[in-house]
Amino acid sequence: NTYLNEIGIKQAHKTGEFLKGFDLQMIYCS
């Protein structure tokens, strides 16, 4: 178990912004 660093948190926000353009219906996760 490791955690996102500052860069990883920014990347996750950018990825979320990008995915807003799609009609995601579910999110699965490790």
PDB file of all heavy atoms in Angstrom:
ATOM      1  N   ASN A   1       0.842  -1.194   0.000  1.00  0.00           N
ATOM      2  CA  ASN A   1       0.000   0.000   0.000  1.00  0.00           C
ATOM      3  C   ASN A   1       0.875   1.241   0.000  1.00  0.00           C
ATOM      4  O   ASN A   1       1.610   1.487   0.961  1.00  0.00           O
ATOM      5  CB  ASN A   1      -0.930   0.013   1.220  1.00  0.00           C
ATOM      6  CG  ASN A   1      -2.331  -0.385   0.852  1.00  0.00           C
ATOM      7  OD1 ASN A   1      -2.806  -0.086  -0.243  1.00  0.00           O
ATOM      8  ND2 ASN A   1      -2.996  -1.062   1.744  1.00  0.00           N
ATOM      9  N   THR A   2       0.819   1.991  -1.072  1.00  0.00           N
ATOM     10  CA  THR A   2       1.503   3.277  -1.164  1.00  0.00           C
ATOM     11  C   THR A   2       0.456   4.325  -1.538  1.00  0.00           C
ATOM     12  O   THR A   2      -0.649   3.985  -1.957  1.00  0.00           O
ATOM     13  CB  THR A   2       2.619   3.237  -2.235  1.00  0.00           C
ATOM     14  OG1 THR A   2       2.040   2.856  -3.492  1.00  0.00           O
ATOM     15  CG2 THR A   2       3.710   2.250  -1.849  1.00  0.00           C
ATOM     16  N   TYR A   3       0.815   5.576  -1.367  1.00  0.00           N
ATOM     17  CA  TYR A   3      -0.158   6.662  -1.538  1.00  0.00           C
ATOM     18  C   TYR A   3       0.307   7.647  -2.597  1.00  0.00           C
ATOM     19  O   TYR A   3       1.501   7.795  -2.852  1.00  0.00           O
ATOM     20  CB  TYR A   3      -0.366   7.377  -0.195  1.00  0.00           C
ATOM     21  CG  TYR A   3      -0.950   6.451   0.838  1.00  0.00           C
ATOM     22  CD1 TYR A   3      -0.127   5.632   1.608  1.00  0.00           C
ATOM     23  CD2 TYR A   3      -2.323   6.342   1.002  1.00  0.00           C
ATOM     24  CE1 TYR A   3      -0.654   4.754   2.532  1.00  0.00           C
ATOM     25  CE2 TYR A   3      -2.869   5.467   1.922  1.00  0.00           C
ATOM     26  CZ  TYR A   3      -2.029   4.673   2.691  1.00  0.00           C
ATOM     27  OH  TYR A   3      -2.556   3.787   3.597  1.00  0.00           O
ATOM     28  N   LEU A   4      -0.657   8.315  -3.197  1.00  0.00           N
ATOM     29  CA  LEU A   4      -0.329   9.332  -4.198  1.00  0.00           C
ATOM     30  C   LEU A   4       0.487  10.445  -3.555  1.00  0.00           C
ATOM     31  O   LEU A   4       0.212  10.862  -2.424  1.00  0.00           O
ATOM     32  CB  LEU A   4      -1.608   9.936  -4.787  1.00  0.00           C
ATOM     33  CG  LEU A   4      -2.601   8.997  -5.481  1.00  0.00           C
ATOM     34  CD1 LEU A   4      -3.748   9.810  -6.069  1.00  0.00           C
ATOM     35  CD2 LEU A   4      -1.932   8.139  -6.538  1.00  0.00           C
ATOM     36  N   ASN A   5       1.455  10.936  -4.297  1.00  0.00           N
ATOM     37  CA  ASN A   5       2.152  12.133  -3.840  1.00  0.00           C
ATOM     38  C   ASN A   5       1.470  13.350  -4.467  1.00  0.00           C
ATOM     39  O   ASN A   5       0.399  13.218  -5.089  1.00  0.00           O
ATOM     40  CB  ASN A   5       3.654  12.058  -4.144  1.00  0.00           C
ATOM     41  CG  ASN A   5       3.965  11.913  -5.625  1.00  0.00           C
ATOM     42  OD1 ASN A   5       3.138  12.232  -6.491  1.00  0.00           O
ATOM     43  ND2 ASN A   5       5.159  11.433  -5.930  1.00  0.00           N
ATOM     44  N   GLU A   6       2.070  14.503  -4.321  1.00  0.00           N
ATOM     45  CA  GLU A   6       1.444  15.736  -4.832  1.00  0.00           C
ATOM     46  C   GLU A   6       1.211  15.664  -6.343  1.00  0.00           C
ATOM     47  O   GLU A   6       0.164  16.088  -6.844  1.00  0.00           O
ATOM     48  CB  GLU A   6       2.330  16.936  -4.484  1.00  0.00           C
ATOM     49  CG  GLU A   6       1.703  18.273  -4.809  1.00  0.00           C
ATOM     50  CD  GLU A   6       2.580  19.436  -4.370  1.00  0.00           C
ATOM     51  OE1 GLU A   6       3.285  19.308  -3.352  1.00  0.00           O
ATOM     52  OE2 GLU A   6       2.541  20.473  -5.063  1.00  0.00           O
ATOM     53  N   ILE A   7       2.184  15.122  -7.059  1.00  0.00           N
ATOM     54  CA  ILE A   7       2.029  14.981  -8.511  1.00  0.00           C
ATOM     55  C   ILE A   7       0.877  14.031  -8.825  1.00  0.00           C
ATOM     56  O   ILE A   7       0.046  14.294  -9.692  1.00  0.00           O
ATOM     57  CB  ILE A   7       3.339  14.474  -9.156  1.00  0.00           C
ATOM     58  CG1 ILE A   7       4.404  15.554  -9.068  1.00  0.00           C
ATOM     59  CG2 ILE A   7       3.107  14.052 -10.610  1.00  0.00           C
ATOM     60  CD1 ILE A   7       5.784  15.094  -9.483  1.00  0.00           C
ATOM     61  N   GLY A   8       0.816  12.905  -8.111  1.00  0.00           N
ATOM     62  CA  GLY A   8      -0.239  11.919  -8.338  1.00  0.00           C
ATOM     63  C   GLY A   8      -1.628  12.477  -8.088  1.00  0.00           C
ATOM     64  O   GLY A   8      -2.582  12.154  -8.812  1.00  0.00           O
ATOM     65  N   ILE A   9      -1.759  13.314  -7.077  1.00  0.00           N
ATOM     66  CA  ILE A   9      -3.055  13.936  -6.776  1.00  0.00           C
ATOM     67  C   ILE A   9      -3.461  14.872  -7.923  1.00  0.00           C
ATOM     68  O   ILE A   9      -4.613  14.864  -8.369  1.00  0.00           O
ATOM     69  CB  ILE A   9      -2.994  14.680  -5.426  1.00  0.00           C
ATOM     70  CG1 ILE A   9      -2.892  13.655  -4.275  1.00  0.00           C
ATOM     71  CG2 ILE A   9      -4.210  15.592  -5.238  1.00  0.00           C
ATOM     72  CD1 ILE A   9      -2.545  14.248  -2.936  1.00  0.00           C
ATOM     73  N   LYS A  10      -2.501  15.643  -8.428  1.00  0.00           N
ATOM     74  CA  LYS A  10      -2.791  16.530  -9.565  1.00  0.00           C
ATOM     75  C   LYS A  10      -3.187  15.717 -10.798  1.00  0.00           C
ATOM     76  O   LYS A  10      -4.117  16.089 -11.522  1.00  0.00           O
ATOM     77  CB  LYS A  10      -1.575  17.411  -9.880  1.00  0.00           C
ATOM     78  CG  LYS A  10      -1.321  18.500  -8.856  1.00  0.00           C
ATOM     79  CD  LYS A  10      -0.079  19.291  -9.214  1.00  0.00           C
ATOM     80  CE  LYS A  10       0.212  20.351  -8.157  1.00  0.00           C
ATOM     81  NZ  LYS A  10       1.484  21.055  -8.418  1.00  0.00           N
ATOM     82  N   GLN A  11      -2.482  14.618 -11.027  1.00  0.00           N
ATOM     83  CA  GLN A  11      -2.811  13.771 -12.174  1.00  0.00           C
ATOM     84  C   GLN A  11      -4.227  13.213 -12.055  1.00  0.00           C
ATOM     85  O   GLN A  11      -4.973  13.184 -13.039  1.00  0.00           O
ATOM     86  CB  GLN A  11      -1.815  12.612 -12.276  1.00  0.00           C
ATOM     87  CG  GLN A  11      -0.445  13.022 -12.736  1.00  0.00           C
ATOM     88  CD  GLN A  11       0.556  11.891 -12.608  1.00  0.00           C
ATOM     89  OE1 GLN A  11       0.492  11.096 -11.686  1.00  0.00           O
ATOM     90  NE2 GLN A  11       1.492  11.838 -13.543  1.00  0.00           N
ATOM     91  N   ALA A  12      -4.594  12.780 -10.852  1.00  0.00           N
ATOM     92  CA  ALA A  12      -5.938  12.221 -10.647  1.00  0.00           C
ATOM     93  C   ALA A  12      -7.004  13.273 -10.930  1.00  0.00           C
ATOM     94  O   ALA A  12      -8.045  12.976 -11.536  1.00  0.00           O
ATOM     95  CB  ALA A  12      -6.071  11.674  -9.231  1.00  0.00           C
ATOM     96  N   HIS A  13      -6.754  14.519 -10.519  1.00  0.00           N
ATOM     97  CA  HIS A  13      -7.713  15.601 -10.808  1.00  0.00           C
ATOM     98  C   HIS A  13      -7.801  15.851 -12.318  1.00  0.00           C
ATOM     99  O   HIS A  13      -8.906  16.010 -12.847  1.00  0.00           O
ATOM    100  CB  HIS A  13      -7.312  16.886 -10.070  1.00  0.00           C
ATOM    101  CG  HIS A  13      -7.700  16.894  -8.624  1.00  0.00           C
ATOM    102  ND1 HIS A  13      -9.009  16.976  -8.207  1.00  0.00           N
ATOM    103  CD2 HIS A  13      -6.950  16.803  -7.497  1.00  0.00           C
ATOM    104  CE1 HIS A  13      -9.055  16.951  -6.876  1.00  0.00           C
ATOM    105  NE2 HIS A  13      -7.814  16.841  -6.432  1.00  0.00           N
ATOM    106  N   LYS A  14      -6.654  15.877 -13.002  1.00  0.00           N
ATOM    107  CA  LYS A  14      -6.666  16.082 -14.457  1.00  0.00           C
ATOM    108  C   LYS A  14      -7.387  14.942 -15.166  1.00  0.00           C
ATOM    109  O   LYS A  14      -8.136  15.159 -16.122  1.00  0.00           O
ATOM    110  CB  LYS A  14      -5.228  16.190 -14.978  1.00  0.00           C
ATOM    111  CG  LYS A  14      -4.559  17.525 -14.699  1.00  0.00           C
ATOM    112  CD  LYS A  14      -3.119  17.550 -15.178  1.00  0.00           C
ATOM    113  CE  LYS A  14      -3.021  17.532 -16.683  1.00  0.00           C
ATOM    114  NZ  LYS A  14      -1.619  17.668 -17.157  1.00  0.00           N
ATOM    115  N   THR A  15      -7.166  13.721 -14.672  1.00  0.00           N
ATOM    116  CA  THR A  15      -7.824  12.562 -15.275  1.00  0.00           C
ATOM    117  C   THR A  15      -9.329  12.640 -15.069  1.00  0.00           C
ATOM    118  O   THR A  15     -10.112  12.361 -15.988  1.00  0.00           O
ATOM    119  CB  THR A  15      -7.253  11.256 -14.683  1.00  0.00           C
ATOM    120  OG1 THR A  15      -5.839  11.234 -14.893  1.00  0.00           O
ATOM    121  CG2 THR A  15      -7.875  10.038 -15.332  1.00  0.00           C
ATOM    122  N   GLY A  16      -9.753  13.036 -13.865  1.00  0.00           N
ATOM    123  CA  GLY A  16     -11.175  13.207 -13.590  1.00  0.00           C
ATOM    124  C   GLY A  16     -11.805  14.248 -14.493  1.00  0.00           C
ATOM    125  O   GLY A  16     -12.913  14.053 -15.016  1.00  0.00           O
ATOM    126  N   GLU A  17     -11.098  15.349 -14.702  1.00  0.00           N
ATOM    127  CA  GLU A  17     -11.595  16.399 -15.602  1.00  0.00           C
ATOM    128  C   GLU A  17     -11.762  15.856 -17.023  1.00  0.00           C
ATOM    129  O   GLU A  17     -12.761  16.115 -17.689  1.00  0.00           O
ATOM    130  CB  GLU A  17     -10.627  17.595 -15.614  1.00  0.00           C
ATOM    131  CG  GLU A  17     -10.697  18.483 -14.391  1.00  0.00           C
ATOM    132  CD  GLU A  17     -11.985  19.297 -14.328  1.00  0.00           C
ATOM    133  OE1 GLU A  17     -12.549  19.628 -15.388  1.00  0.00           O
ATOM    134  OE2 GLU A  17     -12.429  19.588 -13.204  1.00  0.00           O
ATOM    135  N   PHE A  18     -10.772  15.087 -17.462  1.00  0.00           N
ATOM    136  CA  PHE A  18     -10.843  14.509 -18.799  1.00  0.00           C
ATOM    137  C   PHE A  18     -12.035  13.556 -18.925  1.00  0.00           C
ATOM    138  O   PHE A  18     -12.776  13.600 -19.913  1.00  0.00           O
ATOM    139  CB  PHE A  18      -9.541  13.772 -19.122  1.00  0.00           C
ATOM    140  CG  PHE A  18      -9.603  12.966 -20.385  1.00  0.00           C
ATOM    141  CD1 PHE A  18      -9.533  13.588 -21.617  1.00  0.00           C
ATOM    142  CD2 PHE A  18      -9.764  11.592 -20.345  1.00  0.00           C
ATOM    143  CE1 PHE A  18      -9.604  12.861 -22.793  1.00  0.00           C
ATOM    144  CE2 PHE A  18      -9.841  10.843 -21.513  1.00  0.00           C
ATOM    145  CZ  PHE A  18      -9.759  11.477 -22.742  1.00  0.00           C
ATOM    146  N   LEU A  19     -12.224  12.715 -17.936  1.00  0.00           N
ATOM    147  CA  LEU A  19     -13.279  11.703 -18.007  1.00  0.00           C
ATOM    148  C   LEU A  19     -14.688  12.290 -17.902  1.00  0.00           C
ATOM    149  O   LEU A  19     -15.656  11.617 -18.253  1.00  0.00           O
ATOM    150  CB  LEU A  19     -13.064  10.635 -16.928  1.00  0.00           C
ATOM    151  CG  LEU A  19     -11.896   9.687 -17.185  1.00  0.00           C
ATOM    152  CD1 LEU A  19     -11.642   8.818 -15.960  1.00  0.00           C
ATOM    153  CD2 LEU A  19     -12.141   8.828 -18.425  1.00  0.00           C
ATOM    154  N   LYS A  20     -14.788  13.546 -17.450  1.00  0.00           N
ATOM    155  CA  LYS A  20     -16.102  14.192 -17.412  1.00  0.00           C
ATOM    156  C   LYS A  20     -16.736  14.248 -18.793  1.00  0.00           C
ATOM    157  O   LYS A  20     -17.949  14.362 -18.919  1.00  0.00           O
ATOM    158  CB  LYS A  20     -15.995  15.631 -16.866  1.00  0.00           C
ATOM    159  CG  LYS A  20     -15.971  15.715 -15.376  1.00  0.00           C
ATOM    160  CD  LYS A  20     -16.190  17.111 -14.807  1.00  0.00           C
ATOM    161  CE  LYS A  20     -15.761  18.263 -15.643  1.00  0.00           C
ATOM    162  NZ  LYS A  20     -15.803  19.550 -14.927  1.00  0.00           N
ATOM    163  N   GLY A  21     -15.923  14.168 -19.820  1.00  0.00           N
ATOM    164  CA  GLY A  21     -16.430  14.229 -21.187  1.00  0.00           C
ATOM    165  C   GLY A  21     -17.080  12.937 -21.661  1.00  0.00           C
ATOM    166  O   GLY A  21     -17.521  12.862 -22.808  1.00  0.00           O
ATOM    167  N   PHE A  22     -17.145  11.928 -20.791  1.00  0.00           N
ATOM    168  CA  PHE A  22     -17.725  10.635 -21.166  1.00  0.00           C
ATOM    169  C   PHE A  22     -18.860  10.284 -20.202  1.00  0.00           C
ATOM    170  O   PHE A  22     -18.930  10.795 -19.091  1.00  0.00           O
ATOM    171  CB  PHE A  22     -16.661   9.536 -21.141  1.00  0.00           C
ATOM    172  CG  PHE A  22     -15.526   9.798 -22.090  1.00  0.00           C
ATOM    173  CD1 PHE A  22     -14.386  10.458 -21.662  1.00  0.00           C
ATOM    174  CD2 PHE A  22     -15.614   9.415 -23.423  1.00  0.00           C
ATOM    175  CE1 PHE A  22     -13.341  10.717 -22.534  1.00  0.00           C
ATOM    176  CE2 PHE A  22     -14.574   9.670 -24.302  1.00  0.00           C
ATOM    177  CZ  PHE A  22     -13.437  10.326 -23.857  1.00  0.00           C
ATOM    178  N   ASP A  23     -19.712   9.406 -20.649  1.00  0.00           N
ATOM    179  CA  ASP A  23     -20.877   9.023 -19.854  1.00  0.00           C
ATOM    180  C   ASP A  23     -20.573   7.758 -19.038  1.00  0.00           C
ATOM    181  O   ASP A  23     -21.152   6.698 -19.269  1.00  0.00           O
ATOM    182  CB  ASP A  23     -22.082   8.788 -20.780  1.00  0.00           C
ATOM    183  CG  ASP A  23     -23.343   8.482 -19.994  1.00  0.00           C
ATOM    184  OD1 ASP A  23     -23.455   8.925 -18.833  1.00  0.00           O
ATOM    185  OD2 ASP A  23     -24.222   7.779 -20.534  1.00  0.00           O
ATOM    186  N   LEU A  24     -19.655   7.893 -18.097  1.00  0.00           N
ATOM    187  CA  LEU A  24     -19.308   6.747 -17.259  1.00  0.00           C
ATOM    188  C   LEU A  24     -20.485   6.386 -16.368  1.00  0.00           C
ATOM    189  O   LEU A  24     -21.121   7.257 -15.770  1.00  0.00           O
ATOM    190  CB  LEU A  24     -18.088   7.051 -16.398  1.00  0.00           C
ATOM    191  CG  LEU A  24     -16.779   7.333 -17.130  1.00  0.00           C
ATOM    192  CD1 LEU A  24     -15.657   7.516 -16.130  1.00  0.00           C
ATOM    193  CD2 LEU A  24     -16.446   6.236 -18.114  1.00  0.00           C
ATOM    194  N   GLN A  25     -20.754   5.095 -16.272  1.00  0.00           N
ATOM    195  CA  GLN A  25     -21.887   4.639 -15.473  1.00  0.00           C
ATOM    196  C   GLN A  25     -21.465   3.937 -14.200  1.00  0.00           C
ATOM    197  O   GLN A  25     -22.255   3.815 -13.267  1.00  0.00           O
ATOM    198  CB  GLN A  25     -22.762   3.717 -16.331  1.00  0.00           C
ATOM    199  CG  GLN A  25     -23.354   4.458 -17.514  1.00  0.00           C
ATOM    200  CD  GLN A  25     -23.843   3.528 -18.607  1.00  0.00           C
ATOM    201  OE1 GLN A  25     -23.295   2.450 -18.828  1.00  0.00           O
ATOM    202  NE2 GLN A  25     -24.884   3.947 -19.307  1.00  0.00           N
ATOM    203  N   MET A  26     -20.242   3.460 -14.154  1.00  0.00           N
ATOM    204  CA  MET A  26     -19.736   2.761 -12.976  1.00  0.00           C
ATOM    205  C   MET A  26     -18.236   3.013 -12.875  1.00  0.00           C
ATOM    206  O   MET A  26     -17.573   3.267 -13.879  1.00  0.00           O
ATOM    207  CB  MET A  26     -19.956   1.239 -13.081  1.00  0.00           C
ATOM    208  CG  MET A  26     -21.389   0.785 -13.171  1.00  0.00           C
ATOM    209  SD  MET A  26     -22.209   0.736 -11.565  1.00  0.00           S
ATOM    210  CE  MET A  26     -21.365  -0.602 -10.746  1.00  0.00           C
ATOM    211  N   ILE A  27     -17.726   2.909 -11.641  1.00  0.00           N
ATOM    212  CA  ILE A  27     -16.283   2.970 -11.416  1.00  0.00           C
ATOM    213  C   ILE A  27     -15.884   1.747 -10.604  1.00  0.00           C
ATOM    214  O   ILE A  27     -16.409   1.504  -9.513  1.00  0.00           O
ATOM    215  CB  ILE A  27     -15.867   4.268 -10.681  1.00  0.00           C
ATOM    216  CG1 ILE A  27     -16.209   5.495 -11.535  1.00  0.00           C
ATOM    217  CG2 ILE A  27     -14.372   4.232 -10.340  1.00  0.00           C
ATOM    218  CD1 ILE A  27     -15.936   6.819 -10.862  1.00  0.00           C
ATOM    219  N   TYR A  28     -14.945   0.978 -11.155  1.00  0.00           N
ATOM    220  CA  TYR A  28     -14.372  -0.174 -10.463  1.00  0.00           C
ATOM    221  C   TYR A  28     -12.944   0.170 -10.075  1.00  0.00           C
ATOM    222  O   TYR A  28     -12.294   0.994 -10.726  1.00  0.00           O
ATOM    223  CB  TYR A  28     -14.390  -1.407 -11.370  1.00  0.00           C
ATOM    224  CG  TYR A  28     -15.773  -1.917 -11.661  1.00  0.00           C
ATOM    225  CD1 TYR A  28     -16.527  -1.366 -12.694  1.00  0.00           C
ATOM    226  CD2 TYR A  28     -16.344  -2.918 -10.890  1.00  0.00           C
ATOM    227  CE1 TYR A  28     -17.813  -1.816 -12.961  1.00  0.00           C
ATOM    228  CE2 TYR A  28     -17.631  -3.376 -11.149  1.00  0.00           C
ATOM    229  CZ  TYR A  28     -18.359  -2.820 -12.189  1.00  0.00           C
ATOM    230  OH  TYR A  28     -19.632  -3.267 -12.441  1.00  0.00           O
ATOM    231  N   CYS A  29     -12.453  -0.493  -9.035  1.00  0.00           N
ATOM    232  CA  CYS A  29     -11.174  -0.059  -8.497  1.00  0.00           C
ATOM    233  C   CYS A  29     -10.450  -1.196  -7.778  1.00  0.00           C
ATOM    234  O   CYS A  29     -11.075  -1.998  -7.077  1.00  0.00           O
ATOM    235  CB  CYS A  29     -11.452   1.082  -7.519  1.00  0.00           C
ATOM    236  SG  CYS A  29      -9.999   1.825  -6.798  1.00  0.00           S
ATOM    237  N   SER A  30      -9.138  -1.237  -7.938  1.00  0.00           N
ATOM    238  CA  SER A  30      -8.283  -2.063  -7.102  1.00  0.00           C
ATOM    239  C   SER A  30      -8.446  -1.611  -5.650  1.00  0.00           C
ATOM    240  O   SER A  30      -8.765  -0.451  -5.379  1.00  0.00           O
ATOM    241  CB  SER A  30      -6.821  -1.875  -7.543  1.00  0.00           C
ATOM    242  OG  SER A  30      -5.917  -2.232  -6.526  1.00  0.00           O
TER     243      SER A  30
END
